């Protein structure tokens, strides 16, 4: 997936009028995690239950390298869109839970094997779930945008 593709998709979500601020930031973060092969995605509206944030974004990764890549991309895209990262926790290679505080949203990226131990899903089970479009899970670039080798089958 090219940087231009990711930038364009994130910009499209952030500018989508059907997602008012800060939901647009939550949905853009969700798209990033989903397209970096994150699983078990959830967006929770916690505005009425918490003064910490309006939305929680939760997703799981199968390994710590994947989780760190997801967090790094969310940080990069949010900074590129003009949003500051208030705090980041768990960015060490041994962490099994990464937390990104982007002000009105908090992004939680878990290792899939540890998510149930923290049970944020259970803790916030009364929060309203925000629907996530199916295409937020591993979208593909338009084939015309992908590089191809001399035989037209791609480089690998």
Protein backbone atom coordinates (compact mmCIF):
# COMPACT_ATOMS: atom_id res chain seq x y z
CA UNK A 1 0.00 0.00 0.00
CA UNK A 2 1.55 3.29 -1.06
CA UNK A 3 1.86 6.37 1.12
CA UNK A 4 -0.12 8.38 -1.43
CA UNK A 5 -2.99 5.89 -1.21
CA UNK A 6 -3.01 5.97 2.60
CA UNK A 7 -2.81 9.77 2.67
CA UNK A 8 -5.68 10.09 0.17
CA UNK A 9 -7.93 7.65 2.05
CA UNK A 10 -7.26 9.28 5.43
CA UNK A 11 -7.90 12.74 3.96
CA UNK A 12 -11.14 11.49 2.40
CA UNK A 13 -12.40 10.14 5.75
CA UNK A 14 -11.36 13.24 7.69
CA UNK A 15 -13.18 15.50 5.19
CA UNK A 16 -16.30 13.28 5.01
CA UNK A 17 -19.26 15.39 6.18
CA UNK A 18 -21.05 12.31 7.51
CA UNK A 19 -18.37 12.08 10.22
CA UNK A 20 -18.32 15.28 12.29
CA UNK A 21 -15.28 16.07 14.42
CA UNK A 22 -14.02 14.12 16.43
CA UNK A 23 -15.73 11.06 14.91
CA UNK A 24 -13.86 11.73 11.65
CA UNK A 25 -10.54 11.34 13.47
CA UNK A 26 -11.73 8.14 15.15
CA UNK A 27 -12.86 6.70 11.82
CA UNK A 28 -9.61 7.66 10.07
CA UNK A 29 -7.65 5.94 12.85
CA UNK A 30 -9.86 2.89 12.52
CA UNK A 31 -9.30 2.77 8.75
CA UNK A 32 -5.52 2.91 9.29
CA UNK A 33 -5.55 0.04 11.79
CA UNK A 34 -7.88 -2.04 9.63
CA UNK A 35 -5.81 -1.53 6.52
CA UNK A 36 -2.65 -2.55 8.32
CA UNK A 37 -4.43 -5.85 8.96
CA UNK A 38 -5.75 -5.04 12.41
CA UNK A 39 -8.61 -7.21 13.64
CA UNK A 40 -11.50 -6.93 16.08
CA UNK A 41 -11.97 -3.22 15.37
CA UNK A 42 -14.35 -1.21 17.52
CA UNK A 43 -15.25 2.45 17.79
CA UNK A 44 -17.03 3.28 21.02
CA UNK A 45 -18.86 6.51 21.75
CA UNK A 46 -17.89 7.14 25.39
CA UNK A 47 -18.72 10.87 25.51
CA UNK A 48 -21.58 10.38 27.99
CA UNK A 49 -19.62 7.96 30.16
CA UNK A 50 -16.15 9.48 30.34
CA UNK A 51 -14.53 12.87 30.56
CA UNK A 52 -11.34 11.39 29.08
CA UNK A 53 -12.49 11.29 25.48
CA UNK A 54 -15.49 11.25 23.17
CA UNK A 55 -14.46 8.09 21.30
CA UNK A 56 -12.33 5.04 21.93
CA UNK A 57 -10.88 3.20 18.96
CA UNK A 58 -9.84 -0.37 19.68
CA UNK A 59 -8.07 -2.85 17.45
CA UNK A 60 -5.82 -5.87 17.75
CA UNK A 61 -2.59 -6.90 16.06
CA UNK A 62 -1.11 -10.36 15.83
CA UNK A 63 2.39 -9.28 16.87
CA UNK A 64 4.20 -6.34 18.45
CA UNK A 65 5.86 -5.23 15.21
CA UNK A 66 2.45 -4.95 13.57
CA UNK A 67 1.03 -3.07 16.57
CA UNK A 68 3.91 -0.58 16.53
CA UNK A 69 3.51 -0.04 12.76
CA UNK A 70 -0.20 0.68 13.28
CA UNK A 71 0.54 3.15 16.06
CA UNK A 72 3.31 4.85 14.06
CA UNK A 73 1.00 5.28 11.06
CA UNK A 74 -1.84 6.69 13.19
CA UNK A 75 0.61 9.14 14.78
CA UNK A 76 2.01 10.17 11.40
CA UNK A 77 -1.41 10.63 9.79
CA UNK A 78 -2.85 12.58 12.71
CA UNK A 79 0.15 14.92 12.79
CA UNK A 80 -0.08 15.30 9.00
CA UNK A 81 -3.75 16.28 9.44
CA UNK A 82 -2.83 18.88 12.06
CA UNK A 83 -3.80 16.99 15.23
CA UNK A 84 -1.42 16.68 18.12
CA UNK A 85 -0.71 13.49 20.01
CA UNK A 86 -1.23 14.35 23.67
CA UNK A 87 0.31 11.13 24.95
CA UNK A 88 1.53 7.77 23.75
CA UNK A 89 2.09 4.79 25.98
CA UNK A 90 3.33 1.26 25.35
CA UNK A 91 5.49 2.00 22.32
CA UNK A 92 8.27 -0.29 23.60
CA UNK A 93 8.80 -3.48 21.64
CA UNK A 94 7.72 -5.61 24.60
CA UNK A 95 4.40 -3.84 25.20
CA UNK A 96 1.15 -5.67 24.56
CA UNK A 97 -1.07 -2.56 24.66
CA UNK A 98 -0.39 0.74 22.92
CA UNK A 99 -2.45 3.78 23.87
CA UNK A 100 -2.53 6.95 21.78
CA UNK A 101 -4.28 9.98 23.24
CA UNK A 102 -5.32 12.31 20.42
CA UNK A 103 -7.36 14.60 22.65
CA UNK A 104 -10.99 13.79 21.91
CA UNK A 105 -10.21 10.22 20.91
CA UNK A 106 -8.07 7.53 22.46
CA UNK A 107 -6.70 4.75 20.28
CA UNK A 108 -6.02 1.37 21.90
CA UNK A 109 -3.98 -1.17 19.96
CA UNK A 110 -3.64 -4.54 21.67
CA UNK A 111 -1.77 -7.69 20.90
CA UNK A 112 -4.55 -10.10 20.04
CA UNK A 113 -3.31 -12.56 22.65
CA UNK A 114 -3.55 -9.94 25.46
CA UNK A 115 -6.73 -8.06 24.65
CA UNK A 116 -9.00 -10.22 26.78
CA UNK A 117 -6.70 -9.82 29.80
CA UNK A 118 -7.30 -6.05 29.86
CA UNK A 119 -11.00 -6.47 29.00
CA UNK A 120 -11.69 -2.90 27.91
CA UNK A 121 -14.46 -4.41 25.80
CA UNK A 122 -16.16 -5.56 29.01
CA UNK A 123 -15.37 -2.41 30.95
CA UNK A 124 -17.02 -0.21 28.30
CA UNK A 125 -19.75 -2.70 27.30
CA UNK A 126 -22.50 -0.09 27.80
CA UNK A 127 -20.88 2.38 25.40
CA UNK A 128 -22.59 2.92 22.07
CA UNK A 129 -20.86 1.09 19.20
CA UNK A 130 -20.24 3.13 16.06
CA UNK A 131 -20.64 1.18 12.83
CA UNK A 132 -17.47 0.57 10.86
CA UNK A 133 -17.78 0.26 7.07
CA UNK A 134 -16.69 -3.15 5.79
CA UNK A 135 -14.19 -1.59 3.39
CA UNK A 136 -12.19 -0.31 6.36
CA UNK A 137 -10.79 -3.82 6.63
CA UNK A 138 -7.82 -4.17 4.25
CA UNK A 139 -8.79 -2.06 1.26
CA UNK A 140 -6.81 -2.38 -1.93
CA UNK A 141 -5.44 0.36 -4.12
CA UNK A 142 -6.83 0.69 -7.58
CA UNK A 143 -4.78 -1.70 -9.75
CA UNK A 144 -3.92 1.17 -12.10
CA UNK A 145 -2.02 2.78 -9.20
CA UNK A 146 0.11 -0.28 -8.44
CA UNK A 147 3.54 -0.65 -10.00
CA UNK A 148 3.95 -3.54 -12.39
CA UNK A 149 6.92 -5.36 -13.84
CA UNK A 150 7.68 -5.80 -17.51
CA UNK A 151 5.38 -8.82 -17.74
CA UNK A 152 2.47 -6.88 -16.17
CA UNK A 153 2.22 -9.28 -13.23
CA UNK A 154 3.90 -7.06 -10.66
CA UNK A 155 7.39 -7.08 -9.27
CA UNK A 156 7.06 -10.11 -7.01
